[in-house]
Amino acid sequence: VQLVESGGGLVQAGDSLRLSCAASGRILSSYTMAWFRQAPGKERELVSAISWNGANTRYAESVKGRFTISRDNAENSVYLQMNSLKPEDTAVYYCNAQWGSTWLDWGQGTQVTVSS
């Protein structure tokens, strides 16, 4: 399975970005999907997750009310709409999919840089 993230970039504080993650090699419609991020010198952290049918979502406290996760099972994709971006959101963002307790291999991620 290959996960390919896209949509990152350099933006100013308060701007928005929409990240996309496309999966190939396996149908992920039955998987929980999630976005993680890793800032320089920090551990990778869970940003948001969405259940297989989109009915349940969860968010890190730091992004609640600003980020929205969604998925399109027909497109085998997951998205992260990020609004009101802050400099502390600067990180490499990764998507992944979980089956039971197993996560897939990580992709390359997409860099998000928010300037103040």
C-alpha atoms as a PDB file:
ATOM      1  CA  VAL A   1       0.000   0.000   0.000  1.00  0.00           C
ATOM      2  CA  GLN A   2       1.247   3.454  -0.870  1.00  0.00           C
ATOM      3  CA  LEU A   3      -0.009   6.563   0.885  1.00  0.00           C
ATOM      4  CA  VAL A   4       0.708   9.844  -0.874  1.00  0.00           C
ATOM      5  CA  GLU A   5       0.096  13.105   0.924  1.00  0.00           C
ATOM      6  CA  SER A   6      -0.233  16.440  -0.842  1.00  0.00           C
ATOM      7  CA  GLY A   7      -1.478  19.969  -0.339  1.00  0.00           C
ATOM      8  CA  GLY A   8       1.102  21.341   2.050  1.00  0.00           C
ATOM      9  CA  GLY A   9       2.861  24.644   1.597  1.00  0.00           C
ATOM     10  CA  LEU A  10       4.019  27.906   3.096  1.00  0.00           C
ATOM     11  CA  VAL A  11       1.202  30.094   4.385  1.00  0.00           C
ATOM     12  CA  GLN A  12       0.686  32.947   6.803  1.00  0.00           C
ATOM     13  CA  ALA A  13      -0.972  32.686  10.181  1.00  0.00           C
ATOM     14  CA  GLY A  14      -4.736  32.697   9.764  1.00  0.00           C
ATOM     15  CA  ASP A  15      -4.667  31.124   6.320  1.00  0.00           C
ATOM     16  CA  SER A  16      -6.145  27.781   5.317  1.00  0.00           C
ATOM     17  CA  LEU A  17      -4.859  24.656   3.617  1.00  0.00           C
ATOM     18  CA  ARG A  18      -6.474  21.427   2.524  1.00  0.00           C
ATOM     19  CA  LEU A  19      -4.354  18.319   2.696  1.00  0.00           C
ATOM     20  CA  SER A  20      -5.134  15.243   0.646  1.00  0.00           C
ATOM     21  CA  CYS A  21      -4.018  11.657   1.009  1.00  0.00           C
ATOM     22  CA  ALA A  22      -4.492   9.145  -1.751  1.00  0.00           C
ATOM     23  CA  ALA A  23      -4.010   5.440  -1.174  1.00  0.00           C
ATOM     24  CA  SER A  24      -3.091   2.912  -3.795  1.00  0.00           C
ATOM     25  CA  GLY A  25      -2.548  -0.809  -3.689  1.00  0.00           C
ATOM     26  CA  ARG A  26      -5.341  -1.583  -1.262  1.00  0.00           C
ATOM     27  CA  ILE A  27      -8.902  -0.494  -0.681  1.00  0.00           C
ATOM     28  CA  LEU A  28      -9.030   1.312   2.647  1.00  0.00           C
ATOM     29  CA  SER A  29     -12.769   1.807   2.964  1.00  0.00           C
ATOM     30  CA  SER A  30     -12.880  -0.475   6.020  1.00  0.00           C
ATOM     31  CA  TYR A  31      -9.951   1.172   7.770  1.00  0.00           C
ATOM     32  CA  THR A  32      -9.825   3.949  10.282  1.00  0.00           C
ATOM     33  CA  MET A  33      -7.819   6.737   8.703  1.00  0.00           C
ATOM     34  CA  ALA A  34      -5.894   9.460  10.419  1.00  0.00           C
ATOM     35  CA  TRP A  35      -3.606  12.430  10.067  1.00  0.00           C
ATOM     36  CA  PHE A  36      -0.468  12.786  12.122  1.00  0.00           C
ATOM     37  CA  ARG A  37       2.153  15.507  12.241  1.00  0.00           C
ATOM     38  CA  GLN A  38       5.739  15.785  13.321  1.00  0.00           C
ATOM     39  CA  ALA A  39       7.400  19.083  14.102  1.00  0.00           C
ATOM     40  CA  PRO A  40      11.202  19.447  14.221  1.00  0.00           C
ATOM     41  CA  GLY A  41      12.590  17.933  17.384  1.00  0.00           C
ATOM     42  CA  LYS A  42       9.226  16.535  18.457  1.00  0.00           C
ATOM     43  CA  GLU A  43       7.547  13.169  18.330  1.00  0.00           C
ATOM     44  CA  ARG A  44       4.906  12.369  15.771  1.00  0.00           C
ATOM     45  CA  GLU A  45       1.457  13.129  17.146  1.00  0.00           C
ATOM     46  CA  LEU A  46      -2.070  12.233  16.164  1.00  0.00           C
ATOM     47  CA  VAL A  47      -3.938  15.208  14.752  1.00  0.00           C
ATOM     48  CA  SER A  48      -7.241  13.667  13.747  1.00  0.00           C
ATOM     49  CA  ALA A  49      -8.863  10.334  12.941  1.00  0.00           C
ATOM     50  CA  ILE A  50     -12.016   9.233  11.154  1.00  0.00           C
ATOM     51  CA  SER A  51     -13.866   5.942  11.271  1.00  0.00           C
ATOM     52  CA  TRP A  52     -14.360   3.761   8.204  1.00  0.00           C
ATOM     53  CA  ASN A  53     -17.759   5.264   7.402  1.00  0.00           C
ATOM     54  CA  GLY A  54     -17.006   8.808   8.495  1.00  0.00           C
ATOM     55  CA  ALA A  55     -19.499   8.650  11.341  1.00  0.00           C
ATOM     56  CA  ASN A  56     -16.933   9.181  14.072  1.00  0.00           C
ATOM     57  CA  THR A  57     -14.094  11.664  14.196  1.00  0.00           C
ATOM     58  CA  ARG A  58     -11.674  12.813  16.836  1.00  0.00           C
ATOM     59  CA  TYR A  59      -9.204  15.644  17.073  1.00  0.00           C
ATOM     60  CA  ALA A  60      -6.234  16.703  19.119  1.00  0.00           C
ATOM     61  CA  GLU A  61      -7.213  19.479  21.518  1.00  0.00           C
ATOM     62  CA  SER A  62      -4.824  21.847  19.785  1.00  0.00           C
ATOM     63  CA  VAL A  63      -6.728  21.669  16.488  1.00  0.00           C
ATOM     64  CA  LYS A  64     -10.342  21.295  17.600  1.00  0.00           C
ATOM     65  CA  GLY A  65     -12.598  23.828  15.937  1.00  0.00           C
ATOM     66  CA  ARG A  66      -9.978  24.653  13.291  1.00  0.00           C
ATOM     67  CA  PHE A  67      -9.329  21.377  11.454  1.00  0.00           C
ATOM     68  CA  THR A  68     -11.834  19.055   9.803  1.00  0.00           C
ATOM     69  CA  ILE A  69     -11.105  15.525   8.650  1.00  0.00           C
ATOM     70  CA  SER A  70     -13.132  13.860   5.921  1.00  0.00           C
ATOM     71  CA  ARG A  71     -12.841  10.892   3.625  1.00  0.00           C
ATOM     72  CA  ASP A  72     -14.056   9.703   0.253  1.00  0.00           C
ATOM     73  CA  ASN A  73     -14.087   5.926   0.155  1.00  0.00           C
ATOM     74  CA  ALA A  74     -14.909   5.911  -3.532  1.00  0.00           C
ATOM     75  CA  GLU A  75     -11.662   7.783  -4.113  1.00  0.00           C
ATOM     76  CA  ASN A  76      -9.737   5.828  -1.450  1.00  0.00           C
ATOM     77  CA  SER A  77      -8.736   9.178   0.003  1.00  0.00           C
ATOM     78  CA  VAL A  78      -8.752  11.170   3.202  1.00  0.00           C
ATOM     79  CA  TYR A  79      -8.571  14.937   3.607  1.00  0.00           C
ATOM     80  CA  LEU A  80      -7.716  17.475   6.266  1.00  0.00           C
ATOM     81  CA  GLN A  81      -9.141  20.969   5.998  1.00  0.00           C
ATOM     82  CA  MET A  82      -7.017  23.267   8.137  1.00  0.00           C
ATOM     83  CA  ASN A  83      -8.329  26.735   8.928  1.00  0.00           C
ATOM     84  CA  SER A  84      -6.982  29.540  11.096  1.00  0.00           C
ATOM     85  CA  LEU A  85      -3.505  28.103  10.878  1.00  0.00           C
ATOM     86  CA  LYS A  86      -0.985  29.009  13.551  1.00  0.00           C
ATOM     87  CA  PRO A  87       2.816  28.928  13.533  1.00  0.00           C
ATOM     88  CA  GLU A  88       2.660  26.009  15.960  1.00  0.00           C
ATOM     89  CA  ASP A  89       0.906  23.973  13.268  1.00  0.00           C
ATOM     90  CA  THR A  90       4.166  23.928  11.333  1.00  0.00           C
ATOM     91  CA  ALA A  91       5.131  20.290  10.792  1.00  0.00           C
ATOM     92  CA  VAL A  92       5.316  17.473   8.314  1.00  0.00           C
ATOM     93  CA  TYR A  93       1.846  15.987   8.022  1.00  0.00           C
ATOM     94  CA  TYR A  94       1.313  12.292   7.385  1.00  0.00           C
ATOM     95  CA  CYS A  95      -1.766  10.213   6.772  1.00  0.00           C
ATOM     96  CA  ASN A  96      -2.139   6.585   7.738  1.00  0.00           C
ATOM     97  CA  ALA A  97      -4.723   3.841   7.962  1.00  0.00           C
ATOM     98  CA  GLN A  98      -5.403   1.475  10.809  1.00  0.00           C
ATOM     99  CA  TRP A  99      -6.858  -2.022  10.842  1.00  0.00           C
ATOM    100  CA  GLY A 100      -7.328  -3.255  14.379  1.00  0.00           C
ATOM    101  CA  SER A 101      -4.176  -2.112  16.127  1.00  0.00           C
ATOM    102  CA  THR A 102      -1.970  -2.150  13.044  1.00  0.00           C
ATOM    103  CA  TRP A 103      -0.976   0.964  11.134  1.00  0.00           C
ATOM    104  CA  LEU A 104       0.317   0.837   7.586  1.00  0.00           C
ATOM    105  CA  ASP A 105       3.762   1.964   6.454  1.00  0.00           C
ATOM    106  CA  TRP A 106       4.279   5.709   6.508  1.00  0.00           C
ATOM    107  CA  GLY A 107       4.376   7.830   3.395  1.00  0.00           C
ATOM    108  CA  GLN A 108       6.665  10.779   2.728  1.00  0.00           C
ATOM    109  CA  GLY A 109       4.363  13.339   4.266  1.00  0.00           C
ATOM    110  CA  THR A 110       3.698  16.901   3.193  1.00  0.00           C
ATOM    111  CA  GLN A 111       5.334  19.952   4.749  1.00  0.00           C
ATOM    112  CA  VAL A 112       3.153  22.653   6.235  1.00  0.00           C
ATOM    113  CA  THR A 113       4.881  25.854   7.261  1.00  0.00           C
ATOM    114  CA  VAL A 114       2.952  28.686   8.892  1.00  0.00           C
ATOM    115  CA  SER A 115       4.679  32.027   9.219  1.00  0.00           C
ATOM    116  CA  SER A 116       3.685  34.579  11.830  1.00  0.00           C
END
